[in-house]
Amino acid sequence: MAILGIDMGTSGCKVVAFRENGEVLGFSGKEYPFITPRPGWLEIDPEKVWEAVCAALGEVGRSLQEPISALAVTSHGETLIPLGRDGRPLTFAIANFDVRANRYVAFFRERFDPFHLFSVTGMPLHGMYTVNKILWLRDHEPEIFERTWKFSCVEDFIIFRLTGETPAMDYSLASRTMMFDVRKKAWARDILEAVGISEERLPRVLPSGTPVGSLREDLARDFGLQEKILVATGGHDQPCGVLGCGVCSPGEAMYGIGTSECVALNIGPQPFLTKEMMENGFCCYPHVAEGDYITLAYIASGGSLVRWFRDAIAPDKKQEARELGKDPYRMLFEHLPEGPVPLFVLPHFAGSGTPYLDEHSRGAIVGLTLAASRWEIFRAILESLTYEMKVNLDLFEAFGLPVVDLRAVGGGARSFEWLRMKADILGKTLLLPETEEAVALGTAILAGKAAGVFAHTQEGIAAMVRFRERIEPSLSRHEVYRRYYSVYQKVYNGLKEVHELLSMLQGEEEDHEE
């Protein structure tokens, strides 16, 4: 019997079928395009998203030799999809990283104490959350705002299309709207009143791994599947990845090393909602595992910065790799010098993440001399991304949230050299799960729970999660890196004023162009 995890990313979806012991039975991934009508705006056509899901689910369904008991859906957070009464999107989705609604931070500051908002929603006040996109729609597209039946996100939109049932999302994704009470696990009425929407215009909220309905009969026929496949709530992609990494105890964490970098830490059954957490941009919201909460630390750049180096500084290696039929990233690591190197890269090329959440901060390379090589810059990128994450983990531990070990997933987890570097800098053990599709695996565990295959998520972890390697830090190298880290900790503050002035100059240039 197979169970499926559907993983809805910002730019593509994956459908992965697993056997109940964690063995992968089928996989399909499909992309969908971004739409960028203006600088800083990022939209997605929901119908293209649905087409991608149908194509991927059909490919997997037709490839399987055994029946499917259940599937669940996970997605990225914050994206807004306004649905009309007929269930069709009224406009393109306003995607998670779209910045048009940032100005509504002031709207909330005028009406709420930011710490009250954080204490209720678990989200530090920021423009990316779904509620701000709803406010933007109200003020700039009032006709669409009034016609909207449900202000949906991606998880509930796909579940709605799969089942025909009223849109439903889980607690973890609902938290990413900044309208959800993470203690009461219900929509926060005072926030809804301030925005001017009723609870009826939002999806139902359910625990992760809850049955919503069955796959529509017409879709089952189209996908070559049997009827009566259970469809269940999954969750926000980060906590689903945490579950798929086998994280089930406080202090265990997932280290996602992809386009961006993220550490998602299980903090146990009590939410941790202090002013220090809020001031450093750390959210706190329900985990998809029963009763637990998680927090996130993230860097907006990660693999995207490695890709920038490949394309901007080492394009010859990219071409050479193409000619030799090799992985271009593997070729970059072949030139990696021994470290640490006396160079530092402030990895804010796509803006800062936690703990700064500084919209003015930018990337920088510090310590260059005429003797510096591009491969030293490459190593400095890898080291500095890890220093930046260490800043976050040090804060967690200073607040009383221990980090015991890290389960590494994502494209960066394929590089042993980088993983060893991370273990040495952080002074933490890294565990490598057998499957790279941790998000889909965690989602499949939730599908199995909904179908009664597993009594609870820990039983699903025991049955499905395996590890292929364990990387221990070198104490001697960790001590050497500590000296370099102490210098890195001064880089952000040393450049803060410069970056603020650069941001002002850019704003003046844009005003002049208009």
Protein backbone atom coordinates (compact mmCIF):
# COMPACT_ATOMS: atom_id res chain seq x y z
CA MET A 1 0.00 0.00 0.00
CA ALA A 2 1.32 3.47 -0.95
CA ILE A 3 0.95 6.83 0.79
CA LEU A 4 1.63 10.09 -1.04
CA GLY A 5 3.11 13.43 -0.06
CA ILE A 6 2.39 16.42 -2.31
CA ASP A 7 4.96 19.18 -1.73
CA MET A 8 3.92 22.59 -3.12
CA GLY A 9 6.93 24.89 -3.46
CA THR A 10 7.05 28.49 -4.66
CA SER A 11 8.21 27.54 -8.16
CA GLY A 12 7.18 23.89 -8.51
CA CYS A 13 5.52 20.88 -6.98
CA LYS A 14 6.66 17.35 -6.18
CA VAL A 15 4.52 14.25 -5.77
CA VAL A 16 6.30 11.39 -4.01
CA ALA A 17 4.83 7.96 -3.30
CA PHE A 18 6.21 5.98 -0.37
CA ARG A 19 5.71 2.48 0.93
CA GLU A 20 4.80 2.37 4.61
CA ASN A 21 8.43 1.54 5.47
CA GLY A 22 9.71 4.76 3.82
CA GLU A 23 10.76 3.20 0.50
CA VAL A 24 10.21 5.56 -2.45
CA LEU A 25 7.84 4.02 -5.01
CA GLY A 26 7.32 6.92 -7.40
CA PHE A 27 8.32 10.54 -7.99
CA SER A 28 7.33 13.38 -10.28
CA GLY A 29 8.20 17.07 -10.17
CA LYS A 30 6.70 19.87 -12.23
CA GLU A 31 7.52 23.58 -12.38
CA TYR A 32 5.29 26.64 -12.78
CA PRO A 33 6.43 30.14 -13.73
CA PHE A 34 6.67 33.32 -11.70
CA ILE A 35 4.97 36.49 -12.91
CA THR A 36 6.73 39.77 -12.04
CA PRO A 37 4.50 42.64 -13.23
CA ARG A 38 6.48 45.23 -11.25
CA PRO A 39 9.77 45.30 -9.31
CA GLY A 40 9.27 43.55 -5.98
CA TRP A 41 6.00 41.94 -7.06
CA LEU A 42 5.85 38.18 -7.38
CA GLU A 43 2.75 36.39 -8.61
CA ILE A 44 1.81 32.83 -9.55
CA ASP A 45 -1.07 31.67 -11.75
CA PRO A 46 -3.08 29.25 -9.53
CA GLU A 47 -4.36 27.43 -12.60
CA LYS A 48 -0.78 26.72 -13.69
CA VAL A 49 -0.12 25.41 -10.18
CA TRP A 50 -3.14 23.12 -10.43
CA GLU A 51 -2.07 21.90 -13.88
CA ALA A 52 1.35 21.02 -12.47
CA VAL A 53 -0.21 19.05 -9.60
CA CYS A 54 -2.46 17.15 -12.00
CA ALA A 55 0.47 16.32 -14.29
CA ALA A 56 2.70 15.13 -11.42
CA LEU A 57 -0.04 13.18 -9.66
CA GLY A 58 -1.05 11.54 -12.92
CA GLU A 59 2.54 10.47 -13.68
CA VAL A 60 2.99 8.94 -10.24
CA GLY A 61 -0.45 7.33 -10.21
CA ARG A 62 0.05 5.63 -13.55
CA SER A 63 3.51 4.36 -12.55
CA LEU A 64 2.48 2.63 -9.33
CA GLN A 65 1.89 -1.10 -9.10
CA GLU A 66 0.01 -0.94 -5.81
CA PRO A 67 -3.01 1.02 -4.51
CA ILE A 68 -2.81 4.33 -2.65
CA SER A 69 -4.43 4.58 0.77
CA ALA A 70 -4.06 8.34 1.32
CA LEU A 71 -2.33 11.54 0.33
CA ALA A 72 -1.65 14.82 2.13
CA VAL A 73 -0.62 18.27 0.92
CA THR A 74 2.09 20.58 2.20
CA SER A 75 2.95 24.02 0.85
CA HIS A 76 5.07 27.10 1.28
CA GLY A 77 3.47 29.79 3.43
CA GLU A 78 2.04 33.30 3.11
CA THR A 79 0.86 33.15 -0.54
CA LEU A 80 -2.66 34.54 -1.03
CA ILE A 81 -5.20 33.08 -3.49
CA PRO A 82 -8.60 34.89 -3.48
CA LEU A 83 -11.33 32.42 -4.51
CA GLY A 84 -14.73 33.35 -5.88
CA ARG A 85 -18.03 31.64 -5.06
CA ASP A 86 -17.47 29.23 -7.94
CA GLY A 87 -14.15 28.17 -6.42
CA ARG A 88 -12.10 29.81 -9.15
CA PRO A 89 -9.22 32.21 -8.42
CA LEU A 90 -10.26 35.82 -8.94
CA THR A 91 -6.70 36.95 -9.73
CA PHE A 92 -3.15 35.65 -9.75
CA ALA A 93 -1.80 34.52 -6.38
CA ILE A 94 0.27 37.09 -4.49
CA ALA A 95 3.31 34.96 -3.66
CA ASN A 96 5.12 34.68 -0.36
CA PHE A 97 8.13 36.85 -1.25
CA ASP A 98 6.05 39.62 -2.87
CA VAL A 99 6.87 42.92 -1.10
CA ARG A 100 3.92 45.12 -2.11
CA ALA A 101 2.21 44.75 1.28
CA ASN A 102 5.21 45.72 3.43
CA ARG A 103 3.69 49.14 4.11
CA TYR A 104 0.92 47.50 6.17
CA VAL A 105 3.33 46.91 9.01
CA ALA A 106 2.49 50.52 9.96
CA PHE A 107 -1.24 49.65 9.89
CA PHE A 108 -0.71 47.04 12.61
CA ARG A 109 1.67 49.20 14.64
CA GLU A 110 -1.04 51.87 14.86
CA ARG A 111 -3.63 49.37 16.17
CA PHE A 112 -1.71 46.77 18.17
CA ASP A 113 1.24 46.48 20.49
CA PRO A 114 3.69 44.41 18.40
CA PHE A 115 4.33 42.13 21.38
CA HIS A 116 0.59 41.47 21.71
CA LEU A 117 0.52 40.44 18.06
CA PHE A 118 3.49 38.16 18.60
CA SER A 119 2.01 36.69 21.78
CA VAL A 120 -1.15 35.76 19.89
CA THR A 121 0.10 34.82 16.43
CA GLY A 122 3.67 33.71 17.13
CA MET A 123 4.80 35.84 14.18
CA PRO A 124 7.07 38.88 14.54
CA LEU A 125 5.40 41.80 12.75
CA HIS A 126 6.46 41.68 9.08
CA GLY A 127 4.98 42.58 5.71
CA MET A 128 5.21 39.12 4.13
CA TYR A 129 2.34 37.49 6.00
CA THR A 130 -0.95 36.77 4.24
CA VAL A 131 -3.00 39.24 6.27
CA ASN A 132 -1.03 42.14 4.79
CA LYS A 133 -1.71 40.90 1.27
CA ILE A 134 -5.43 40.83 2.12
CA LEU A 135 -5.19 44.46 3.26
CA TRP A 136 -3.44 45.38 0.02
CA LEU A 137 -6.24 43.68 -1.93
CA ARG A 138 -8.86 45.56 0.09
CA ASP A 139 -7.27 48.93 -0.67
CA HIS A 140 -6.10 48.41 -4.27
CA GLU A 141 -8.51 45.81 -5.70
CA PRO A 142 -11.72 46.47 -3.71
CA GLU A 143 -13.95 44.72 -6.24
CA ILE A 144 -11.91 41.51 -5.96
CA PHE A 145 -11.81 41.89 -2.17
CA GLU A 146 -15.60 42.10 -1.99
CA ARG A 147 -16.14 39.19 -4.40
CA THR A 148 -13.78 36.88 -2.54
CA TRP A 149 -15.49 33.86 -1.01
CA LYS A 150 -12.36 32.41 0.63
CA PHE A 151 -8.98 34.04 1.22
CA SER A 152 -6.97 30.88 0.58
CA CYS A 153 -3.35 29.81 0.67
CA VAL A 154 -1.82 27.01 -1.40
CA GLU A 155 -2.41 23.94 0.82
CA ASP A 156 -6.15 24.53 1.16
CA PHE A 157 -6.53 25.53 -2.51
CA ILE A 158 -5.04 22.22 -3.68
CA ILE A 159 -7.03 20.18 -1.13
CA PHE A 160 -10.19 21.98 -2.29
CA ARG A 161 -9.44 21.15 -5.93
CA LEU A 162 -8.63 17.52 -5.11
CA THR A 163 -11.74 16.88 -3.01
CA GLY A 164 -14.37 19.49 -3.83
CA GLU A 165 -14.77 20.01 -0.08
CA THR A 166 -14.74 23.46 1.56
CA PRO A 167 -11.13 24.71 1.74
CA ALA A 168 -9.28 23.50 4.84
CA MET A 169 -5.74 24.12 6.07
CA ASP A 170 -3.77 22.90 9.04
CA TYR A 171 -2.66 24.88 12.09
CA SER A 172 0.94 25.35 10.94
CA LEU A 173 0.05 26.97 7.60
CA ALA A 174 -2.73 29.03 9.20
CA SER A 175 -0.06 30.46 11.51
CA ARG A 176 1.80 31.90 8.51
CA THR A 177 -1.14 34.22 7.79
CA MET A 178 -0.54 36.25 11.02
CA MET A 179 -4.28 35.89 11.74
CA PHE A 180 -4.13 32.67 13.78
CA ASP A 181 -4.01 32.31 17.57
CA VAL A 182 -1.24 29.74 18.11
CA ARG A 183 -2.29 29.01 21.70
CA LYS A 184 -6.05 28.65 21.11
CA LYS A 185 -5.46 27.15 17.63
CA ALA A 186 -8.24 29.21 16.11
CA TRP A 187 -8.55 32.36 14.01
CA ALA A 188 -7.74 35.49 16.06
CA ARG A 189 -10.94 37.53 16.13
CA ASP A 190 -9.40 40.88 17.10
CA ILE A 191 -7.09 40.73 14.09
CA LEU A 192 -9.95 39.77 11.76
CA GLU A 193 -11.99 42.69 13.07
CA ALA A 194 -9.12 45.09 12.41
CA VAL A 195 -8.77 43.82 8.84
CA GLY A 196 -12.51 43.79 8.24
CA ILE A 197 -13.11 40.15 7.32
CA SER A 198 -15.21 37.44 8.94
CA GLU A 199 -14.04 33.99 9.90
CA GLU A 200 -16.44 32.56 7.30
CA ARG A 201 -14.25 34.03 4.55
CA LEU A 202 -11.25 31.98 5.70
CA PRO A 203 -10.57 28.25 5.33
CA ARG A 204 -11.44 25.76 8.04
CA VAL A 205 -8.50 25.05 10.34
CA LEU A 206 -7.71 21.46 11.32
CA PRO A 207 -4.81 19.58 12.93
CA SER A 208 -2.19 18.22 10.55
CA GLY A 209 -2.94 14.69 9.40
CA THR A 210 -6.74 15.15 9.54
CA PRO A 211 -8.96 13.63 6.81
CA VAL A 212 -10.72 16.29 4.70
CA GLY A 213 -12.40 14.16 2.05
CA SER A 214 -11.74 11.72 -0.77
CA LEU A 215 -10.11 12.29 -4.14
CA ARG A 216 -12.77 13.29 -6.65
CA GLU A 217 -13.91 10.37 -8.78
CA ASP A 218 -13.27 12.21 -12.06
CA LEU A 219 -9.69 12.99 -11.01
CA ALA A 220 -9.11 9.41 -9.90
CA ARG A 221 -10.10 8.22 -13.37
CA ASP A 222 -7.88 10.83 -15.06
CA PHE A 223 -4.89 9.92 -12.89
CA GLY A 224 -5.34 6.19 -13.29
CA LEU A 225 -6.04 5.75 -9.59
CA GLN A 226 -8.63 3.86 -7.64
CA GLU A 227 -11.51 5.74 -6.09
CA LYS A 228 -11.81 6.60 -2.39
CA ILE A 229 -8.26 7.79 -1.82
CA LEU A 230 -8.23 9.74 1.45
CA VAL A 231 -7.04 13.37 1.20
CA ALA A 232 -5.67 14.93 4.41
CA THR A 233 -4.19 18.13 5.74
CA GLY A 234 -0.42 18.29 5.65
CA GLY A 235 1.19 21.51 6.79
CA HIS A 236 3.61 24.34 6.17
CA ASP A 237 6.59 22.93 4.30
CA GLN A 238 9.16 23.68 7.01
CA PRO A 239 7.50 21.69 9.83
CA CYS A 240 6.65 18.91 7.36
CA GLY A 241 10.35 18.74 6.52
CA VAL A 242 11.13 18.65 10.23
CA LEU A 243 8.82 15.65 10.61
CA GLY A 244 10.35 13.97 7.55
CA CYS A 245 13.79 14.32 9.17
CA GLY A 246 12.61 12.36 12.17
CA VAL A 247 12.53 15.33 14.54
CA CYS A 248 10.23 14.42 17.43
CA SER A 249 11.99 15.68 20.58
CA PRO A 250 12.88 19.18 21.85
CA GLY A 251 16.36 20.25 20.74
CA GLU A 252 16.29 18.29 17.49
CA ALA A 253 16.25 20.40 14.33
CA MET A 254 16.13 20.28 10.56
CA TYR A 255 18.84 22.19 8.69
CA GLY A 256 17.51 22.95 5.23
CA ILE A 257 20.38 23.85 2.89
CA GLY A 258 18.66 24.88 -0.31
CA THR A 259 18.09 28.11 -2.25
CA SER A 260 17.84 29.69 1.18
CA GLU A 261 19.01 28.21 4.48
CA CYS A 262 16.69 27.44 7.37
CA VAL A 263 16.95 25.74 10.74
CA ALA A 264 13.61 24.57 12.14
CA LEU A 265 13.88 23.65 15.81
CA ASN A 266 11.42 21.57 17.83
CA ILE A 267 10.89 23.44 21.11
CA GLY A 268 8.43 21.01 22.70
CA PRO A 269 4.81 21.26 23.90
CA GLN A 270 4.88 24.84 25.20
CA PRO A 271 5.04 27.88 22.89
CA PHE A 272 8.05 30.11 23.57
CA LEU A 273 6.78 33.66 23.04
CA THR A 274 9.21 36.09 24.67
CA LYS A 275 10.18 39.63 23.73
CA GLU A 276 13.70 38.41 22.93
CA MET A 277 12.28 35.97 20.39
CA MET A 278 10.19 38.69 18.78
CA GLU A 279 13.00 41.25 18.70
CA ASN A 280 15.23 38.79 16.85
CA GLY A 281 12.59 37.82 14.31
CA PHE A 282 12.04 34.26 15.55
CA CYS A 283 8.53 32.94 14.99
CA CYS A 284 6.88 30.26 17.12
CA TYR A 285 3.97 28.19 15.88
CA PRO A 286 2.43 24.69 15.94
CA HIS A 287 4.50 21.81 14.62
CA VAL A 288 2.75 19.23 12.44
CA ALA A 289 3.66 16.61 15.09
CA GLU A 290 0.99 16.37 17.77
CA GLY A 291 1.22 19.00 20.49
CA ASP A 292 4.66 20.43 19.71
CA TYR A 293 5.79 23.87 18.58
CA ILE A 294 8.69 24.90 16.37
CA THR A 295 10.71 28.02 15.69
CA LEU A 296 12.67 29.01 12.58
CA ALA A 297 15.95 30.72 11.85
CA TYR A 298 16.66 31.50 8.22
CA ILE A 299 19.04 33.14 5.77
CA ALA A 300 17.42 34.52 2.61
CA SER A 301 20.49 33.47 0.60
CA GLY A 302 22.03 30.01 0.58
CA GLY A 303 22.33 27.91 -2.52
CA SER A 304 21.31 31.03 -4.46
CA LEU A 305 24.59 32.63 -3.38
CA VAL A 306 26.55 29.56 -4.51
CA ARG A 307 24.72 29.80 -7.84
CA TRP A 308 25.65 33.50 -8.06
CA PHE A 309 29.32 32.60 -7.60
CA ARG A 310 29.05 29.90 -10.29
CA ASP A 311 27.42 32.24 -12.82
CA ALA A 312 29.16 35.54 -12.04
CA ILE A 313 32.67 34.51 -10.94
CA ALA A 314 33.23 31.00 -12.29
CA PRO A 315 31.22 30.80 -15.54
CA ASP A 316 34.13 28.99 -17.19
CA LYS A 317 33.67 26.08 -14.78
CA LYS A 318 29.98 25.97 -15.62
CA GLN A 319 30.85 25.70 -19.31
CA GLU A 320 33.60 23.15 -18.63
CA ALA A 321 31.19 21.03 -16.62
CA ARG A 322 28.69 21.10 -19.47
CA GLU A 323 31.35 19.93 -21.93
CA LEU A 324 32.52 17.13 -19.63
CA GLY A 325 29.05 16.09 -18.56
CA LYS A 326 29.80 16.84 -14.91
CA ASP A 327 27.86 18.54 -12.14
CA PRO A 328 29.05 22.20 -12.16
CA TYR A 329 28.70 22.49 -8.40
CA ARG A 330 30.82 19.39 -7.91
CA MET A 331 33.53 21.05 -10.01
CA LEU A 332 33.46 24.14 -7.79
CA PHE A 333 34.06 22.03 -4.70
CA GLU A 334 37.04 20.36 -6.39
CA HIS A 335 38.84 23.74 -6.17
CA LEU A 336 37.92 24.41 -2.54
CA PRO A 337 41.04 25.51 -0.60
CA GLU A 338 41.75 24.46 2.95
CA GLY A 339 40.33 26.79 5.51
CA PRO A 340 39.37 28.81 7.25
CA VAL A 341 40.09 31.77 4.98
CA PRO A 342 40.64 35.37 6.19
CA LEU A 343 37.74 36.65 4.08
CA PHE A 344 34.12 37.17 5.07
CA VAL A 345 30.96 37.44 2.99
CA LEU A 346 27.89 39.12 4.45
CA PRO A 347 25.34 36.83 2.75
CA HIS A 348 22.53 39.38 2.46
CA PHE A 349 22.51 39.31 -1.35
CA ALA A 350 18.73 38.70 -1.24
CA GLY A 351 18.19 40.69 1.96
CA SER A 352 18.80 39.60 5.52
CA GLY A 353 16.99 36.89 7.41
CA THR A 354 16.89 36.35 11.14
CA PRO A 355 17.90 37.77 13.52
CA TYR A 356 18.14 41.14 11.74
CA LEU A 357 15.18 41.27 9.31
CA ASP A 358 16.89 44.39 7.95
CA GLU A 359 15.37 45.46 4.63
CA HIS A 360 18.34 47.76 3.95
CA SER A 361 21.12 45.22 4.43
CA ARG A 362 23.01 43.98 1.38
CA GLY A 363 25.74 41.56 0.49
CA ALA A 364 29.42 42.36 0.97
CA ILE A 365 32.84 40.72 0.63
CA VAL A 366 35.21 41.89 3.36
CA GLY A 367 38.97 41.39 3.59
CA LEU A 368 39.91 41.30 -0.11
CA THR A 369 43.54 41.83 -1.13
CA LEU A 370 45.31 41.52 -4.47
CA ALA A 371 46.43 38.07 -3.35
CA ALA A 372 42.87 36.78 -2.90
CA SER A 373 41.71 34.09 -5.32
CA ARG A 374 38.20 33.41 -6.48
CA TRP A 375 38.34 30.04 -4.74
CA GLU A 376 39.04 31.74 -1.43
CA ILE A 377 35.94 33.85 -2.09
CA PHE A 378 34.04 30.65 -2.75
CA ARG A 379 35.15 29.16 0.56
CA ALA A 380 34.35 32.46 2.30
CA ILE A 381 30.78 32.22 0.97
CA LEU A 382 30.38 28.70 2.37
CA GLU A 383 31.95 29.58 5.71
CA SER A 384 30.06 32.86 6.11
CA LEU A 385 26.67 31.31 5.40
CA THR A 386 27.43 28.95 8.29
CA TYR A 387 28.71 31.76 10.53
CA GLU A 388 25.42 33.56 9.86
CA MET A 389 23.44 30.52 10.94
CA LYS A 390 25.62 30.17 14.03
CA VAL A 391 24.57 33.70 15.04
CA ASN A 392 21.00 32.40 15.10
CA LEU A 393 21.73 29.14 16.90
CA ASP A 394 23.77 30.96 19.54
CA LEU A 395 20.74 33.16 20.22
CA PHE A 396 18.46 30.13 20.55
CA GLU A 397 20.76 28.65 23.15
CA ALA A 398 21.14 31.99 24.96
CA PHE A 399 17.33 32.10 25.24
CA GLY A 400 17.26 28.62 26.76
CA LEU A 401 16.42 26.64 23.61
CA PRO A 402 19.16 24.00 23.25
CA VAL A 403 20.08 22.66 19.82
CA VAL A 404 21.10 19.01 20.21
CA ASP A 405 21.67 17.98 16.60
CA LEU A 406 20.82 19.01 13.05
CA ARG A 407 19.32 16.83 10.29
CA ALA A 408 20.69 18.21 7.01
CA VAL A 409 18.51 18.18 3.89
CA GLY A 410 18.42 20.02 0.57
CA GLY A 411 20.85 20.40 -2.32
CA GLY A 412 23.66 21.61 -0.05
CA ALA A 413 23.47 18.36 1.92
CA ARG A 414 24.99 16.57 -1.10
CA SER A 415 28.38 18.16 -0.44
CA PHE A 416 30.35 16.31 2.23
CA GLU A 417 32.95 19.12 2.27
CA TRP A 418 30.35 21.76 3.10
CA LEU A 419 28.65 19.57 5.68
CA ARG A 420 31.95 18.88 7.44
CA MET A 421 32.64 22.63 7.42
CA LYS A 422 29.22 23.31 8.94
CA ALA A 423 29.70 20.69 11.66
CA ASP A 424 33.10 22.17 12.56
CA ILE A 425 31.89 25.79 12.62
CA LEU A 426 28.67 25.09 14.51
CA GLY A 427 30.15 22.47 16.80
CA LYS A 428 27.07 20.31 16.14
CA THR A 429 26.50 16.79 14.87
CA LEU A 430 24.84 16.58 11.45
CA LEU A 431 22.62 13.62 10.59
CA LEU A 432 21.85 12.87 6.93
CA PRO A 433 18.46 11.26 6.21
CA GLU A 434 18.36 8.57 3.52
CA THR A 435 15.84 10.48 1.41
CA GLU A 436 16.38 14.00 0.13
CA GLU A 437 12.61 14.47 -0.06
CA ALA A 438 12.13 15.10 3.65
CA VAL A 439 9.20 17.49 3.14
CA ALA A 440 7.28 14.97 1.04
CA LEU A 441 8.16 12.19 3.49
CA GLY A 442 6.84 14.17 6.45
CA THR A 443 3.68 14.90 4.48
CA ALA A 444 3.28 11.20 3.66
CA ILE A 445 3.59 10.38 7.39
CA LEU A 446 0.67 12.75 7.99
CA ALA A 447 -1.30 11.02 5.22
CA GLY A 448 -0.57 7.68 6.90
CA LYS A 449 -1.74 9.05 10.24
CA ALA A 450 -4.99 10.28 8.67
CA ALA A 451 -5.60 6.85 7.11
CA GLY A 452 -4.90 4.99 10.35
CA VAL A 453 -1.68 3.45 9.02
CA PHE A 454 0.09 5.10 11.97
CA ALA A 455 -1.49 5.84 15.33
CA HIS A 456 0.62 8.99 15.70
CA THR A 457 3.52 10.76 14.01
CA GLN A 458 6.21 9.15 16.19
CA GLU A 459 5.07 5.75 14.94
CA GLY A 460 5.35 7.08 11.39
CA ILE A 461 8.87 8.34 12.06
CA ALA A 462 9.92 4.97 13.46
CA ALA A 463 8.56 3.21 10.38
CA MET A 464 9.68 5.56 7.61
CA VAL A 465 12.72 7.68 8.58
CA ARG A 466 16.26 6.31 8.17
CA PHE A 467 19.69 7.98 8.30
CA ARG A 468 22.60 7.24 5.99
CA GLU A 469 25.42 9.15 7.67
CA ARG A 470 26.47 11.02 10.79
CA ILE A 471 29.06 13.83 10.69
CA GLU A 472 30.70 14.73 13.98
CA PRO A 473 32.47 18.08 14.48
CA SER A 474 36.22 18.26 14.98
CA LEU A 475 36.90 19.99 18.28
CA SER A 476 40.29 21.28 17.09
CA ARG A 477 38.88 22.80 13.90
CA HIS A 478 35.95 24.22 15.87
CA GLU A 479 38.39 26.09 18.12
CA VAL A 480 40.16 27.57 15.09
CA TYR A 481 36.86 28.64 13.54
CA ARG A 482 35.80 30.33 16.78
CA ARG A 483 38.47 33.00 16.26
CA TYR A 484 37.23 33.73 12.74
CA TYR A 485 33.61 33.69 13.90
CA SER A 486 34.38 36.39 16.48
CA VAL A 487 35.46 38.65 13.60
CA TYR A 488 32.46 37.73 11.45
CA GLN A 489 30.11 38.80 14.26
CA LYS A 490 31.27 42.41 13.73
CA VAL A 491 30.66 42.52 9.96
CA TYR A 492 26.91 43.24 9.93
CA ASN A 493 27.04 46.12 12.42
CA GLY A 494 30.17 47.50 10.78
CA LEU A 495 28.35 47.86 7.45
CA LYS A 496 24.85 48.68 8.71
CA GLU A 497 25.07 52.46 8.22
CA VAL A 498 26.70 52.08 4.80
CA HIS A 499 23.88 49.85 3.62
CA GLU A 500 21.24 52.23 4.93
CA LEU A 501 22.86 55.07 2.94
CA LEU A 502 23.02 52.88 -0.18
CA SER A 503 19.34 52.06 0.22
CA MET A 504 18.51 55.77 0.45
CA LEU A 505 20.50 56.45 -2.73
CA GLN A 506 18.66 53.71 -4.57
CA GLY A 507 15.33 55.10 -3.40
CA GLU A 508 16.26 58.54 -4.66
CA GLU A 509 17.24 57.11 -8.06
CA GLU A 510 13.93 55.26 -8.36
CA ASP A 511 11.98 58.40 -7.44
CA HIS A 512 13.92 60.33 -10.10
CA GLU A 513 13.16 57.68 -12.75
CA GLU A 514 9.45 57.92 -11.96
